[in-house]
Amino acid sequence: MANRFVQKTAEQSNRQKARRAVILAAAVLVTGMVWAIFNRDQLRSDENPGIVTHDLALLWQWTDKLYSKGAADSEWTIRWDIEGEAAGLEQAEQQLQADEKGREQGTLSIFPLTSDRQAMLVFTTNQKADKEQLLAVVKRTEDVLKKAGISYSGGMTVRGLTEYNNAAERLAQASGGKRVDRYKDESGTVSEAYYSEKLFSSVEAGAGKKANLQIAEHRETESGALSLIVGTPLITGDYTVSEAGND
């Protein structure tokens, strides 16, 4: 799959792993561009309104009881790959940056991609998120994009600690998804990709298959803590769960 489930943990903080993190960041940008290209026609905002809003509500519901401190205390990263006229992108950026309610829930960052017609929006939550307010932020973002005539594809990643050894299995059952890929690396991280008809987003997974839910588990060697990282349609970024988000 596009990201091949790259691993980076807090235990791997030497220089060699730092260099790998830089490579990972570049890979994430490439993944985003490929994601946008493959899904632009399917996920146009005028054809499927509320894609990210819909998937966020489901993912929150599925993970809330699996995370040790609930979905609210987990780390949420929400992302949109957008494309449109330069004027429309600028207008949308100004409106989104002026959203005071959005700033209460987290931080919005805007990154240019390959041209002045493309960009990536990334919203990261603060220490504790409110479900309804977060959904409202996502809905406002998608409304702004639609009104500006911008097409987009979107997804999210949530990270946290779990006390369930079978958290991944429980989540897969809740989604009703069919597994399309599985990967286990040398550090013991297990990552599986599924396709669930309940979710709106999706990416091509090869051999005529699609995926829209990626679930990864990693147990820290020293602490024994079990991390659960979930992404729709894929996990973006690394597999690290920050200590600040789980104090």
C-alpha atoms as a PDB file:
ATOM      1  CA  MET A   1       0.000   0.000   0.000  1.00  0.00           C
ATOM      2  CA  ALA A   2       1.063   3.631  -0.416  1.00  0.00           C
ATOM      3  CA  ASN A   3       2.489   4.165   3.057  1.00  0.00           C
ATOM      4  CA  ARG A   4       3.573   0.547   3.817  1.00  0.00           C
ATOM      5  CA  PHE A   5       2.895   1.189   7.438  1.00  0.00           C
ATOM      6  CA  VAL A   6       6.130   3.024   8.339  1.00  0.00           C
ATOM      7  CA  GLN A   7       7.144   2.647  12.010  1.00  0.00           C
ATOM      8  CA  LYS A   8       8.650   5.256  14.295  1.00  0.00           C
ATOM      9  CA  THR A   9       8.419   4.999  18.076  1.00  0.00           C
ATOM     10  CA  ALA A  10       9.665   6.981  21.049  1.00  0.00           C
ATOM     11  CA  GLU A  11      12.120   4.174  21.744  1.00  0.00           C
ATOM     12  CA  GLN A  12      13.836   4.830  18.399  1.00  0.00           C
ATOM     13  CA  SER A  13      15.109   8.347  19.007  1.00  0.00           C
ATOM     14  CA  ASN A  14      18.704   8.034  17.796  1.00  0.00           C
ATOM     15  CA  ARG A  15      20.044   9.858  14.786  1.00  0.00           C
ATOM     16  CA  GLN A  16      19.340   7.062  12.361  1.00  0.00           C
ATOM     17  CA  LYS A  17      15.665   7.030  13.296  1.00  0.00           C
ATOM     18  CA  ALA A  18      15.548  10.813  13.084  1.00  0.00           C
ATOM     19  CA  ARG A  19      16.726  10.611   9.499  1.00  0.00           C
ATOM     20  CA  ARG A  20      14.023   8.034   8.832  1.00  0.00           C
ATOM     21  CA  ALA A  21      11.461  10.439  10.270  1.00  0.00           C
ATOM     22  CA  VAL A  22      12.480  13.034   7.678  1.00  0.00           C
ATOM     23  CA  ILE A  23      12.029  10.444   4.938  1.00  0.00           C
ATOM     24  CA  LEU A  24       8.642   9.535   6.413  1.00  0.00           C
ATOM     25  CA  ALA A  25       7.495  13.158   6.325  1.00  0.00           C
ATOM     26  CA  ALA A  26       8.330  13.344   2.642  1.00  0.00           C
ATOM     27  CA  ALA A  27       6.537  10.043   2.033  1.00  0.00           C
ATOM     28  CA  VAL A  28       3.427  11.378   3.750  1.00  0.00           C
ATOM     29  CA  LEU A  29       3.328  14.340   1.356  1.00  0.00           C
ATOM     30  CA  VAL A  30       3.690  12.013  -1.627  1.00  0.00           C
ATOM     31  CA  THR A  31       0.960   9.779  -0.203  1.00  0.00           C
ATOM     32  CA  GLY A  32      -1.299  12.802   0.070  1.00  0.00           C
ATOM     33  CA  MET A  33      -0.797  13.774  -3.538  1.00  0.00           C
ATOM     34  CA  VAL A  34      -1.418  10.217  -4.768  1.00  0.00           C
ATOM     35  CA  TRP A  35      -4.463   9.986  -2.491  1.00  0.00           C
ATOM     36  CA  ALA A  36      -5.873  13.203  -3.943  1.00  0.00           C
ATOM     37  CA  ILE A  37      -5.240  12.128  -7.545  1.00  0.00           C
ATOM     38  CA  PHE A  38      -6.909   8.709  -7.179  1.00  0.00           C
ATOM     39  CA  ASN A  39      -9.927  10.027  -5.256  1.00  0.00           C
ATOM     40  CA  ARG A  40     -10.581  13.423  -6.819  1.00  0.00           C
ATOM     41  CA  ASP A  41     -13.426  12.240  -9.031  1.00  0.00           C
ATOM     42  CA  GLN A  42     -14.978   9.968  -6.413  1.00  0.00           C
ATOM     43  CA  LEU A  43     -14.755  12.420  -3.511  1.00  0.00           C
ATOM     44  CA  ARG A  44     -15.677  15.723  -5.100  1.00  0.00           C
ATOM     45  CA  SER A  45     -17.319  17.911  -2.482  1.00  0.00           C
ATOM     46  CA  ASP A  46     -20.410  18.587  -4.576  1.00  0.00           C
ATOM     47  CA  GLU A  47     -21.121  14.875  -5.056  1.00  0.00           C
ATOM     48  CA  ASN A  48     -20.457  13.585  -1.543  1.00  0.00           C
ATOM     49  CA  PRO A  49     -21.025  16.362   1.024  1.00  0.00           C
ATOM     50  CA  GLY A  50     -19.762  15.757   4.525  1.00  0.00           C
ATOM     51  CA  ILE A  51     -17.287  12.963   3.726  1.00  0.00           C
ATOM     52  CA  VAL A  52     -14.953  13.685   6.621  1.00  0.00           C
ATOM     53  CA  THR A  53     -17.796  14.679   8.962  1.00  0.00           C
ATOM     54  CA  HIS A  54     -19.498  11.334   8.341  1.00  0.00           C
ATOM     55  CA  ASP A  55     -16.351   9.242   8.823  1.00  0.00           C
ATOM     56  CA  LEU A  56     -15.274  11.194  11.920  1.00  0.00           C
ATOM     57  CA  ALA A  57     -18.586  10.535  13.672  1.00  0.00           C
ATOM     58  CA  LEU A  58     -18.267   6.805  13.004  1.00  0.00           C
ATOM     59  CA  LEU A  59     -14.616   6.560  13.992  1.00  0.00           C
ATOM     60  CA  TRP A  60     -15.297   8.414  17.251  1.00  0.00           C
ATOM     61  CA  GLN A  61     -18.137   6.014  18.033  1.00  0.00           C
ATOM     62  CA  TRP A  62     -16.042   2.922  17.264  1.00  0.00           C
ATOM     63  CA  THR A  63     -12.945   3.987  19.239  1.00  0.00           C
ATOM     64  CA  ASP A  64     -14.449   5.790  22.230  1.00  0.00           C
ATOM     65  CA  LYS A  65     -14.648   2.694  24.455  1.00  0.00           C
ATOM     66  CA  LEU A  66     -11.392   1.211  23.166  1.00  0.00           C
ATOM     67  CA  TYR A  67      -9.080   4.035  24.216  1.00  0.00           C
ATOM     68  CA  SER A  68      -8.077   4.093  27.893  1.00  0.00           C
ATOM     69  CA  LYS A  69      -9.269   7.678  28.299  1.00  0.00           C
ATOM     70  CA  GLY A  70     -11.849   7.710  25.532  1.00  0.00           C
ATOM     71  CA  ALA A  71     -11.802   9.314  22.109  1.00  0.00           C
ATOM     72  CA  ALA A  72     -11.881  12.824  23.584  1.00  0.00           C
ATOM     73  CA  ASP A  73      -8.418  12.460  25.164  1.00  0.00           C
ATOM     74  CA  SER A  74      -6.856  10.860  22.094  1.00  0.00           C
ATOM     75  CA  GLU A  75      -4.854  12.675  19.415  1.00  0.00           C
ATOM     76  CA  TRP A  76      -6.916  13.518  16.322  1.00  0.00           C
ATOM     77  CA  THR A  77      -5.369  14.673  13.061  1.00  0.00           C
ATOM     78  CA  ILE A  78      -7.842  15.560  10.304  1.00  0.00           C
ATOM     79  CA  ARG A  79      -6.684  16.195   6.774  1.00  0.00           C
ATOM     80  CA  TRP A  80      -8.021  17.471   3.468  1.00  0.00           C
ATOM     81  CA  ASP A  81      -6.195  17.407   0.131  1.00  0.00           C
ATOM     82  CA  ILE A  82      -7.775  20.249  -1.823  1.00  0.00           C
ATOM     83  CA  GLU A  83      -7.676  21.567  -5.380  1.00  0.00           C
ATOM     84  CA  GLY A  84      -9.191  24.650  -6.951  1.00  0.00           C
ATOM     85  CA  GLU A  85      -8.551  28.064  -8.433  1.00  0.00           C
ATOM     86  CA  ALA A  86      -5.903  30.099  -6.604  1.00  0.00           C
ATOM     87  CA  ALA A  87      -8.451  32.773  -5.678  1.00  0.00           C
ATOM     88  CA  GLY A  88     -10.794  30.183  -4.214  1.00  0.00           C
ATOM     89  CA  LEU A  89      -8.007  28.610  -2.175  1.00  0.00           C
ATOM     90  CA  GLU A  90      -7.007  32.007  -0.796  1.00  0.00           C
ATOM     91  CA  GLN A  91     -10.602  32.848   0.084  1.00  0.00           C
ATOM     92  CA  ALA A  92     -11.070  29.519   1.856  1.00  0.00           C
ATOM     93  CA  GLU A  93      -7.806  29.938   3.756  1.00  0.00           C
ATOM     94  CA  GLN A  94      -8.829  33.359   5.051  1.00  0.00           C
ATOM     95  CA  GLN A  95     -12.216  32.101   6.206  1.00  0.00           C
ATOM     96  CA  LEU A  96     -10.806  29.041   7.928  1.00  0.00           C
ATOM     97  CA  GLN A  97      -8.038  30.944   9.690  1.00  0.00           C
ATOM     98  CA  ALA A  98     -10.645  33.358  11.039  1.00  0.00           C
ATOM     99  CA  ASP A  99     -12.653  30.560  12.659  1.00  0.00           C
ATOM    100  CA  GLU A 100     -12.353  31.321  16.383  1.00  0.00           C
ATOM    101  CA  LYS A 101     -14.377  28.268  17.422  1.00  0.00           C
ATOM    102  CA  GLY A 102     -12.042  26.086  15.416  1.00  0.00           C
ATOM    103  CA  ARG A 103      -9.020  27.481  17.263  1.00  0.00           C
ATOM    104  CA  GLU A 104     -10.627  26.463  20.555  1.00  0.00           C
ATOM    105  CA  GLN A 105     -10.572  22.836  19.441  1.00  0.00           C
ATOM    106  CA  GLY A 106      -7.175  22.698  17.777  1.00  0.00           C
ATOM    107  CA  THR A 107      -4.714  24.066  15.235  1.00  0.00           C
ATOM    108  CA  LEU A 108      -5.250  24.377  11.484  1.00  0.00           C
ATOM    109  CA  SER A 109      -2.179  24.291   9.246  1.00  0.00           C
ATOM    110  CA  ILE A 110      -2.182  24.856   5.492  1.00  0.00           C
ATOM    111  CA  PHE A 111       0.583  23.431   3.270  1.00  0.00           C
ATOM    112  CA  PRO A 112       1.012  24.061  -0.480  1.00  0.00           C
ATOM    113  CA  LEU A 113       1.522  20.984  -2.649  1.00  0.00           C
ATOM    114  CA  THR A 114       2.638  20.715  -6.265  1.00  0.00           C
ATOM    115  CA  SER A 115       1.061  23.884  -7.648  1.00  0.00           C
ATOM    116  CA  ASP A 116      -0.808  27.024  -6.622  1.00  0.00           C
ATOM    117  CA  ARG A 117      -4.027  25.087  -7.304  1.00  0.00           C
ATOM    118  CA  GLN A 118      -3.332  22.423  -4.672  1.00  0.00           C
ATOM    119  CA  ALA A 119      -2.891  22.457  -0.917  1.00  0.00           C
ATOM    120  CA  MET A 120      -3.210  20.277   2.149  1.00  0.00           C
ATOM    121  CA  LEU A 121      -5.197  21.271   5.249  1.00  0.00           C
ATOM    122  CA  VAL A 122      -4.267  19.608   8.536  1.00  0.00           C
ATOM    123  CA  PHE A 123      -6.273  20.126  11.728  1.00  0.00           C
ATOM    124  CA  THR A 124      -4.842  18.749  14.989  1.00  0.00           C
ATOM    125  CA  THR A 125      -6.835  18.712  18.210  1.00  0.00           C
ATOM    126  CA  ASN A 126      -5.772  20.272  21.487  1.00  0.00           C
ATOM    127  CA  GLN A 127      -5.374  18.307  24.718  1.00  0.00           C
ATOM    128  CA  LYS A 128      -9.039  17.321  24.937  1.00  0.00           C
ATOM    129  CA  ALA A 129     -11.593  17.385  22.132  1.00  0.00           C
ATOM    130  CA  ASP A 130     -15.351  17.791  22.335  1.00  0.00           C
ATOM    131  CA  LYS A 131     -17.098  15.509  19.864  1.00  0.00           C
ATOM    132  CA  GLU A 132     -19.893  17.859  18.820  1.00  0.00           C
ATOM    133  CA  GLN A 133     -17.630  20.892  18.589  1.00  0.00           C
ATOM    134  CA  LEU A 134     -15.055  18.948  16.587  1.00  0.00           C
ATOM    135  CA  LEU A 135     -17.738  17.733  14.200  1.00  0.00           C
ATOM    136  CA  ALA A 136     -18.911  21.332  13.846  1.00  0.00           C
ATOM    137  CA  VAL A 137     -15.374  22.457  12.966  1.00  0.00           C
ATOM    138  CA  VAL A 138     -15.087  19.750  10.317  1.00  0.00           C
ATOM    139  CA  LYS A 139     -18.515  20.564   8.888  1.00  0.00           C
ATOM    140  CA  ARG A 140     -17.671  24.286   8.678  1.00  0.00           C
ATOM    141  CA  THR A 141     -14.424  23.439   6.901  1.00  0.00           C
ATOM    142  CA  GLU A 142     -16.196  21.310   4.313  1.00  0.00           C
ATOM    143  CA  ASP A 143     -18.893  23.974   3.866  1.00  0.00           C
ATOM    144  CA  VAL A 144     -16.215  26.599   3.194  1.00  0.00           C
ATOM    145  CA  LEU A 145     -14.518  24.356   0.639  1.00  0.00           C
ATOM    146  CA  LYS A 146     -17.796  23.662  -1.153  1.00  0.00           C
ATOM    147  CA  LYS A 147     -18.806  27.334  -1.313  1.00  0.00           C
ATOM    148  CA  ALA A 148     -15.381  28.231  -2.707  1.00  0.00           C
ATOM    149  CA  GLY A 149     -15.796  25.640  -5.484  1.00  0.00           C
ATOM    150  CA  ILE A 150     -12.915  23.543  -4.174  1.00  0.00           C
ATOM    151  CA  SER A 151     -12.797  19.776  -4.676  1.00  0.00           C
ATOM    152  CA  TYR A 152     -11.241  17.696  -1.935  1.00  0.00           C
ATOM    153  CA  SER A 153     -10.509  14.283  -0.506  1.00  0.00           C
ATOM    154  CA  GLY A 154     -10.150  13.842   3.221  1.00  0.00           C
ATOM    155  CA  GLY A 155      -9.402  11.549   6.094  1.00  0.00           C
ATOM    156  CA  MET A 156      -8.139  11.379   9.656  1.00  0.00           C
ATOM    157  CA  THR A 157      -5.843   9.590  12.064  1.00  0.00           C
ATOM    158  CA  VAL A 158      -6.421   9.052  15.786  1.00  0.00           C
ATOM    159  CA  ARG A 159      -3.784   7.865  18.260  1.00  0.00           C
ATOM    160  CA  GLY A 160      -4.077   6.721  21.858  1.00  0.00           C
ATOM    161  CA  LEU A 161      -3.403   4.002  24.414  1.00  0.00           C
ATOM    162  CA  THR A 162      -5.675   1.028  24.945  1.00  0.00           C
ATOM    163  CA  GLU A 163      -6.051  -1.562  27.691  1.00  0.00           C
ATOM    164  CA  TYR A 164      -7.597  -4.111  25.318  1.00  0.00           C
ATOM    165  CA  ASN A 165      -5.225  -6.664  23.838  1.00  0.00           C
ATOM    166  CA  ASN A 166      -7.811  -7.307  21.123  1.00  0.00           C
ATOM    167  CA  ALA A 167      -8.629  -3.639  20.418  1.00  0.00           C
ATOM    168  CA  ALA A 168      -7.862  -3.979  16.706  1.00  0.00           C
ATOM    169  CA  GLU A 169     -10.155  -6.987  16.396  1.00  0.00           C
ATOM    170  CA  ARG A 170     -12.966  -5.184  18.247  1.00  0.00           C
ATOM    171  CA  LEU A 171     -12.626  -2.161  15.979  1.00  0.00           C
ATOM    172  CA  ALA A 172     -12.619  -4.275  12.829  1.00  0.00           C
ATOM    173  CA  GLN A 173     -15.794  -6.006  13.975  1.00  0.00           C
ATOM    174  CA  ALA A 174     -17.491  -2.682  14.713  1.00  0.00           C
ATOM    175  CA  SER A 175     -16.673  -1.417  11.223  1.00  0.00           C
ATOM    176  CA  GLY A 176     -17.931  -4.567   9.521  1.00  0.00           C
ATOM    177  CA  GLY A 177     -14.880  -4.275   7.310  1.00  0.00           C
ATOM    178  CA  LYS A 178     -13.206  -6.888   5.151  1.00  0.00           C
ATOM    179  CA  ARG A 179      -9.437  -7.181   5.579  1.00  0.00           C
ATOM    180  CA  VAL A 180      -7.450  -6.468   2.426  1.00  0.00           C
ATOM    181  CA  ASP A 181      -3.880  -6.311   3.763  1.00  0.00           C
ATOM    182  CA  ARG A 182      -1.792  -7.134   6.849  1.00  0.00           C
ATOM    183  CA  TYR A 183       1.746  -6.178   7.818  1.00  0.00           C
ATOM    184  CA  LYS A 184       3.992  -6.869  10.814  1.00  0.00           C
ATOM    185  CA  ASP A 185       7.407  -5.279  11.214  1.00  0.00           C
ATOM    186  CA  GLU A 186      10.478  -6.257  13.226  1.00  0.00           C
ATOM    187  CA  SER A 187       9.457  -4.179  16.244  1.00  0.00           C
ATOM    188  CA  GLY A 188       6.184  -6.054  16.569  1.00  0.00           C
ATOM    189  CA  THR A 189       3.899  -3.388  15.162  1.00  0.00           C
ATOM    190  CA  VAL A 190       0.927  -5.014  13.449  1.00  0.00           C
ATOM    191  CA  SER A 191      -1.014  -3.029  10.876  1.00  0.00           C
ATOM    192  CA  GLU A 192      -4.083  -4.158   8.973  1.00  0.00           C
ATOM    193  CA  ALA A 193      -6.092  -2.486   6.235  1.00  0.00           C
ATOM    194  CA  TYR A 194      -9.823  -3.019   5.762  1.00  0.00           C
ATOM    195  CA  TYR A 195     -12.620  -1.930   3.489  1.00  0.00           C
ATOM    196  CA  SER A 196     -15.845  -0.960   5.271  1.00  0.00           C
ATOM    197  CA  GLU A 197     -18.989  -0.035   3.368  1.00  0.00           C
ATOM    198  CA  LYS A 198     -19.962   2.160   6.324  1.00  0.00           C
ATOM    199  CA  LEU A 199     -17.217   4.694   5.562  1.00  0.00           C
ATOM    200  CA  PHE A 200     -17.351   7.208   2.698  1.00  0.00           C
ATOM    201  CA  SER A 201     -13.641   7.603   1.926  1.00  0.00           C
ATOM    202  CA  SER A 202     -11.490   5.003   0.164  1.00  0.00           C
ATOM    203  CA  VAL A 203      -8.208   4.482  -1.698  1.00  0.00           C
ATOM    204  CA  GLU A 204      -7.068   1.951  -4.262  1.00  0.00           C
ATOM    205  CA  ALA A 205      -5.268  -0.961  -2.558  1.00  0.00           C
ATOM    206  CA  GLY A 206      -4.128  -2.832  -5.662  1.00  0.00           C
ATOM    207  CA  ALA A 207      -5.425  -5.960  -7.368  1.00  0.00           C
ATOM    208  CA  GLY A 208      -8.797  -4.286  -7.838  1.00  0.00           C
ATOM    209  CA  LYS A 209      -9.283  -3.813  -4.088  1.00  0.00           C
ATOM    210  CA  LYS A 210     -10.080  -0.706  -2.063  1.00  0.00           C
ATOM    211  CA  ALA A 211      -9.253   0.189   1.535  1.00  0.00           C
ATOM    212  CA  ASN A 212     -10.661   2.842   3.860  1.00  0.00           C
ATOM    213  CA  LEU A 213      -9.682   1.784   7.377  1.00  0.00           C
ATOM    214  CA  GLN A 214      -6.170   1.115   8.665  1.00  0.00           C
ATOM    215  CA  ILE A 215      -5.632  -0.180  12.210  1.00  0.00           C
ATOM    216  CA  ALA A 216      -2.205  -0.478  13.835  1.00  0.00           C
ATOM    217  CA  GLU A 217      -1.106  -1.709  17.261  1.00  0.00           C
ATOM    218  CA  HIS A 218       2.302  -1.332  18.881  1.00  0.00           C
ATOM    219  CA  ARG A 219       3.416  -2.370  22.374  1.00  0.00           C
ATOM    220  CA  GLU A 220       6.197  -0.300  23.920  1.00  0.00           C
ATOM    221  CA  THR A 221       9.070  -2.502  25.071  1.00  0.00           C
ATOM    222  CA  GLU A 222       9.877  -0.639  28.286  1.00  0.00           C
ATOM    223  CA  SER A 223       6.468   0.480  29.530  1.00  0.00           C
ATOM    224  CA  GLY A 224       4.402  -2.333  28.073  1.00  0.00           C
ATOM    225  CA  ALA A 225       1.786   0.235  26.986  1.00  0.00           C
ATOM    226  CA  LEU A 226      -0.257  -0.740  23.947  1.00  0.00           C
ATOM    227  CA  SER A 227      -0.812   1.984  21.360  1.00  0.00           C
ATOM    228  CA  LEU A 228      -3.800   1.909  19.001  1.00  0.00           C
ATOM    229  CA  ILE A 229      -3.504   4.039  15.865  1.00  0.00           C
ATOM    230  CA  VAL A 230      -6.401   4.223  13.431  1.00  0.00           C
ATOM    231  CA  GLY A 231      -6.727   6.013  10.105  1.00  0.00           C
ATOM    232  CA  THR A 232      -9.344   6.540   7.429  1.00  0.00           C
ATOM    233  CA  PRO A 233      -8.729   5.830   4.661  1.00  0.00           C
ATOM    234  CA  LEU A 234      -5.086   5.339   5.784  1.00  0.00           C
ATOM    235  CA  ILE A 235      -2.881   6.327   8.712  1.00  0.00           C
ATOM    236  CA  THR A 236      -0.871   9.438   7.867  1.00  0.00           C
ATOM    237  CA  GLY A 237       2.204  10.441   9.836  1.00  0.00           C
ATOM    238  CA  ASP A 238       4.005   8.031  12.160  1.00  0.00           C
ATOM    239  CA  TYR A 239       2.878   5.553  14.793  1.00  0.00           C
ATOM    240  CA  THR A 240       4.010   7.620  17.785  1.00  0.00           C
ATOM    241  CA  VAL A 241       1.557   8.383  20.578  1.00  0.00           C
ATOM    242  CA  SER A 242       2.742  11.527  22.370  1.00  0.00           C
ATOM    243  CA  GLU A 243       3.134  11.408  26.128  1.00  0.00           C
ATOM    244  CA  ALA A 244       1.333  14.738  26.478  1.00  0.00           C
ATOM    245  CA  GLY A 245      -1.807  13.330  24.960  1.00  0.00           C
ATOM    246  CA  ASN A 246      -1.948  10.432  27.389  1.00  0.00           C
ATOM    247  CA  ASP A 247      -0.905  11.902  30.750  1.00  0.00           C
END
